[in-house]
Amino acid sequence: MIQVIQAQNITLAYLKQKFALHKSEDEQFFREWFDYIPEISELEKQYLDRVKNNYLNVLENAPLLEEAVKMVVLSPLLDLAGFYRHPFYITTEESLELSEAIIISNEVNTEETKEIIKGKIDVLVLQDQLWLLIIESKRSSFSLAKAIPQALTHMLANPQPEHPAYSLVINGEDFQFIKMIKQDKPMYALSDKFTLYRRKNELYKVLNILKNLGKVLS
């Protein structure tokens, strides 16, 4: 029997149960978001100030849908981080499939149930065939806590399990990075959460981290 599950319906509890996924409490596990972070220029800061103002001004009229979040906030960040240029390239709406076989036994018979998780990655940054960064973009009213299990599901489907996987979840005003290493039991960690509703423009930090990931991974 085959059961199809949509990635957006996956929970952390499901991933822990089915894939033995666990969260690292070691601060050194995910150093890339806070260590050896490159500085950004004054021109980049001015541009990011404009991106922040654009987002907040547009948001005054109505909550932003996912595509608007990509256009107003995400696209400028990817441009400044250099992900539109060689050696990187970007794909959108990348389909994925992740499966798990479950053996159910009783006194009468043994039945194998195969659960298949299907979904699409909003934005995927690659170098050659190596998945570098998975980006999960949501509408402005969507909580990142709900997006994180979906991003982790995408990371588990990474076809190069020998390499670390990174993800960024974003709803326009909040941003959080994830790192996963797939060993015997896959392990992940989260960065701090950054938001546009603080006085200091935290897009500076988001761009810092994106640039550092591009440097580390290339």
Protein backbone atom coordinates (compact mmCIF):
# COMPACT_ATOMS: atom_id res chain seq x y z
CA MET A 1 0.00 0.00 0.00
CA ILE A 2 1.31 3.46 -0.91
CA GLN A 3 0.33 6.62 0.94
CA VAL A 4 1.22 10.02 -0.51
CA ILE A 5 1.84 12.90 1.90
CA GLN A 6 2.35 16.53 0.89
CA ALA A 7 5.52 18.12 2.28
CA GLN A 8 3.64 21.16 3.62
CA ASN A 9 1.70 18.84 5.95
CA ILE A 10 4.78 17.27 7.56
CA THR A 11 5.48 17.91 11.24
CA LEU A 12 8.70 17.77 13.25
CA ALA A 13 7.26 14.86 15.22
CA TYR A 14 6.77 12.89 11.99
CA LEU A 15 10.37 13.54 10.86
CA LYS A 16 11.75 12.51 14.24
CA GLN A 17 9.72 9.30 14.22
CA LYS A 18 10.22 8.24 10.60
CA PHE A 19 13.75 9.46 9.87
CA ALA A 20 15.32 9.64 13.35
CA LEU A 21 15.93 13.34 12.78
CA HIS A 22 17.23 15.13 15.85
CA LYS A 23 18.30 18.64 16.76
CA SER A 24 21.89 19.40 17.72
CA GLU A 25 22.45 21.39 20.91
CA ASP A 26 26.14 21.87 20.10
CA GLU A 27 26.82 25.54 19.33
CA GLN A 28 29.75 24.53 17.13
CA PHE A 29 27.58 22.38 14.86
CA PHE A 30 26.34 25.40 12.89
CA ARG A 31 29.13 27.97 13.04
CA GLU A 32 28.54 29.22 9.51
CA TRP A 33 25.82 31.65 10.57
CA PHE A 34 27.90 33.51 13.17
CA ASP A 35 31.61 32.79 12.60
CA TYR A 36 33.96 34.46 10.09
CA ILE A 37 31.11 36.50 8.64
CA PRO A 38 32.21 38.84 5.82
CA GLU A 39 31.38 42.53 6.04
CA ILE A 40 29.01 44.16 3.57
CA SER A 41 29.61 47.54 1.97
CA GLU A 42 27.89 50.84 2.72
CA LEU A 43 26.25 50.70 -0.71
CA GLU A 44 24.84 47.27 0.08
CA LYS A 45 23.53 48.58 3.41
CA GLN A 46 21.80 51.47 1.65
CA TYR A 47 20.23 49.06 -0.82
CA LEU A 48 19.03 46.79 2.01
CA ASP A 49 17.55 49.81 3.81
CA ARG A 50 15.53 50.46 0.68
CA VAL A 51 14.46 46.78 0.50
CA LYS A 52 13.28 46.95 4.12
CA ASN A 53 11.35 50.16 3.51
CA ASN A 54 9.82 48.77 0.33
CA TYR A 55 8.62 45.69 2.18
CA LEU A 56 7.12 47.60 5.09
CA ASN A 57 5.46 50.13 2.77
CA VAL A 58 3.90 47.43 0.60
CA LEU A 59 2.79 45.51 3.70
CA GLU A 60 0.80 48.52 4.92
CA ASN A 61 -1.82 47.85 2.24
CA ALA A 62 -2.26 44.08 2.67
CA PRO A 63 -0.36 40.91 3.70
CA LEU A 64 2.12 39.92 1.00
CA LEU A 65 1.62 36.66 -0.86
CA GLU A 66 4.52 34.28 -1.43
CA GLU A 67 5.40 35.57 -4.90
CA ALA A 68 5.44 39.18 -3.66
CA VAL A 69 7.80 38.20 -0.83
CA LYS A 70 10.14 36.64 -3.39
CA MET A 71 10.04 39.73 -5.59
CA VAL A 72 10.36 42.43 -2.94
CA VAL A 73 12.78 40.81 -0.46
CA LEU A 74 14.28 37.52 -1.61
CA SER A 75 15.38 38.46 -5.13
CA PRO A 76 17.50 41.46 -3.98
CA LEU A 77 19.16 39.31 -1.31
CA LEU A 78 20.09 36.58 -3.81
CA ASP A 79 21.45 39.21 -6.19
CA LEU A 80 23.63 40.89 -3.56
CA ALA A 81 24.85 37.49 -2.30
CA GLY A 82 26.09 36.66 -5.81
CA PHE A 83 23.86 33.63 -6.34
CA TYR A 84 22.77 34.79 -9.80
CA ARG A 85 26.36 34.57 -11.02
CA HIS A 86 28.82 31.79 -11.86
CA PRO A 87 29.53 29.27 -10.35
CA PHE A 88 26.00 29.30 -8.91
CA TYR A 89 22.67 28.90 -10.62
CA ILE A 90 19.10 28.86 -9.42
CA THR A 91 16.08 26.70 -10.09
CA THR A 92 12.53 27.26 -8.86
CA GLU A 93 9.65 24.89 -8.10
CA GLU A 94 12.04 21.92 -7.99
CA SER A 95 10.02 18.72 -7.41
CA LEU A 96 11.12 16.28 -4.74
CA GLU A 97 10.08 12.87 -3.49
CA LEU A 98 11.05 11.25 -0.21
CA SER A 99 9.89 7.77 0.74
CA GLU A 100 9.83 5.63 3.86
CA ALA A 101 8.79 1.99 4.01
CA ILE A 102 6.95 0.80 7.09
CA ILE A 103 6.51 -2.89 7.92
CA ILE A 104 3.28 -3.70 9.74
CA SER A 105 3.09 -7.20 11.21
CA ASN A 106 0.33 -9.04 13.03
CA GLU A 107 -0.69 -12.63 13.63
CA VAL A 108 -2.42 -12.88 10.26
CA ASN A 109 0.01 -11.32 7.80
CA THR A 110 2.82 -8.86 7.22
CA GLU A 111 2.07 -5.75 5.16
CA GLU A 112 4.47 -3.17 3.83
CA THR A 113 3.19 0.40 3.66
CA LYS A 114 5.25 2.87 1.67
CA GLU A 115 4.79 6.52 2.55
CA ILE A 116 5.88 8.94 -0.17
CA ILE A 117 6.36 12.60 0.63
CA LYS A 118 5.97 14.91 -2.34
CA GLY A 119 6.59 18.62 -2.58
CA LYS A 120 8.33 21.44 -4.39
CA ILE A 121 11.29 23.55 -3.35
CA ASP A 122 10.53 27.24 -3.87
CA VAL A 123 14.11 28.26 -4.73
CA LEU A 124 17.19 26.03 -4.96
CA VAL A 125 20.74 27.39 -5.31
CA LEU A 126 23.14 24.92 -6.92
CA GLN A 127 26.74 24.61 -8.03
CA ASP A 128 27.07 21.94 -10.70
CA GLN A 129 24.73 19.28 -9.26
CA LEU A 130 25.43 20.07 -5.61
CA TRP A 131 22.53 21.47 -3.62
CA LEU A 132 23.89 24.51 -1.82
CA LEU A 133 20.91 26.34 -0.38
CA ILE A 134 17.21 25.47 -0.16
CA ILE A 135 14.93 28.47 0.26
CA GLU A 136 11.39 28.10 1.57
CA SER A 137 9.44 31.30 0.95
CA LYS A 138 6.04 31.88 2.56
CA ARG A 139 3.44 34.66 2.62
CA SER A 140 3.95 37.40 5.19
CA SER A 141 1.29 36.09 7.57
CA PHE A 142 2.83 32.58 7.69
CA SER A 143 4.80 31.51 10.79
CA LEU A 144 8.34 30.27 10.23
CA ALA A 145 7.69 27.55 12.81
CA LYS A 146 5.31 25.95 10.31
CA ALA A 147 7.78 26.30 7.44
CA ILE A 148 10.74 24.68 9.20
CA PRO A 149 9.45 21.04 9.01
CA GLN A 150 8.82 21.50 5.29
CA ALA A 151 12.35 22.84 4.77
CA LEU A 152 13.80 19.93 6.77
CA THR A 153 11.85 17.51 4.58
CA HIS A 154 13.42 19.06 1.49
CA MET A 155 16.86 18.82 3.10
CA LEU A 156 16.36 15.11 3.82
CA ALA A 157 15.76 14.61 0.09
CA ASN A 158 19.19 16.07 -0.76
CA PRO A 159 20.71 13.62 -3.31
CA GLN A 160 24.25 14.32 -1.99
CA PRO A 161 23.97 13.14 1.64
CA GLU A 162 27.75 13.29 2.12
CA HIS A 163 27.56 17.12 2.01
CA PRO A 164 25.92 19.41 4.59
CA ALA A 165 22.60 20.92 3.50
CA TYR A 166 21.58 24.49 4.24
CA SER A 167 18.19 26.12 4.12
CA LEU A 168 16.69 29.57 4.58
CA VAL A 169 13.06 30.00 5.58
CA ILE A 170 11.56 33.41 4.97
CA ASN A 171 8.17 35.08 5.17
CA GLY A 172 9.37 38.55 4.20
CA GLU A 173 9.71 39.95 7.70
CA ASP A 174 11.34 36.96 9.48
CA PHE A 175 14.37 34.91 8.40
CA GLN A 176 15.99 31.78 9.82
CA PHE A 177 18.77 29.50 8.58
CA ILE A 178 19.01 25.72 9.02
CA LYS A 179 21.91 23.31 8.66
CA MET A 180 21.57 19.54 8.33
CA ILE A 181 24.12 16.74 8.21
CA LYS A 182 22.84 13.31 7.16
CA GLN A 183 24.78 10.68 9.06
CA ASP A 184 23.44 7.46 10.54
CA LYS A 185 20.84 9.70 12.13
CA PRO A 186 20.29 13.06 10.41
CA MET A 187 20.97 16.06 12.63
CA TYR A 188 20.02 19.74 12.23
CA ALA A 189 20.44 23.09 13.95
CA LEU A 190 18.84 26.52 13.63
CA SER A 191 20.33 29.99 13.54
CA ASP A 192 18.84 32.85 15.48
CA LYS A 193 15.71 34.32 13.90
CA PHE A 194 16.11 37.70 12.23
CA THR A 195 13.25 40.14 11.77
CA LEU A 196 12.59 43.45 10.03
CA TYR A 197 10.67 44.75 13.03
CA ARG A 198 13.76 45.74 14.98
CA ARG A 199 15.32 49.19 14.74
CA LYS A 200 18.55 47.91 13.22
CA ASN A 201 18.13 46.49 9.74
CA GLU A 202 18.67 42.75 10.22
CA LEU A 203 18.82 42.21 6.47
CA TYR A 204 22.48 43.17 6.92
CA LYS A 205 23.00 40.01 8.97
CA VAL A 206 20.96 37.87 6.58
CA LEU A 207 23.11 39.02 3.65
CA ASN A 208 26.28 38.47 5.72
CA ILE A 209 25.27 34.85 6.27
CA LEU A 210 24.24 34.27 2.65
CA LYS A 211 27.62 35.59 1.49
CA ASN A 212 29.43 33.39 4.01
CA LEU A 213 27.52 30.29 2.86
CA GLY A 214 28.38 31.10 -0.74
CA LYS A 215 32.04 31.42 0.23
CA VAL A 216 32.11 28.23 2.33
CA LEU A 217 30.25 26.12 -0.22
CA SER A 218 32.10 27.28 -3.32
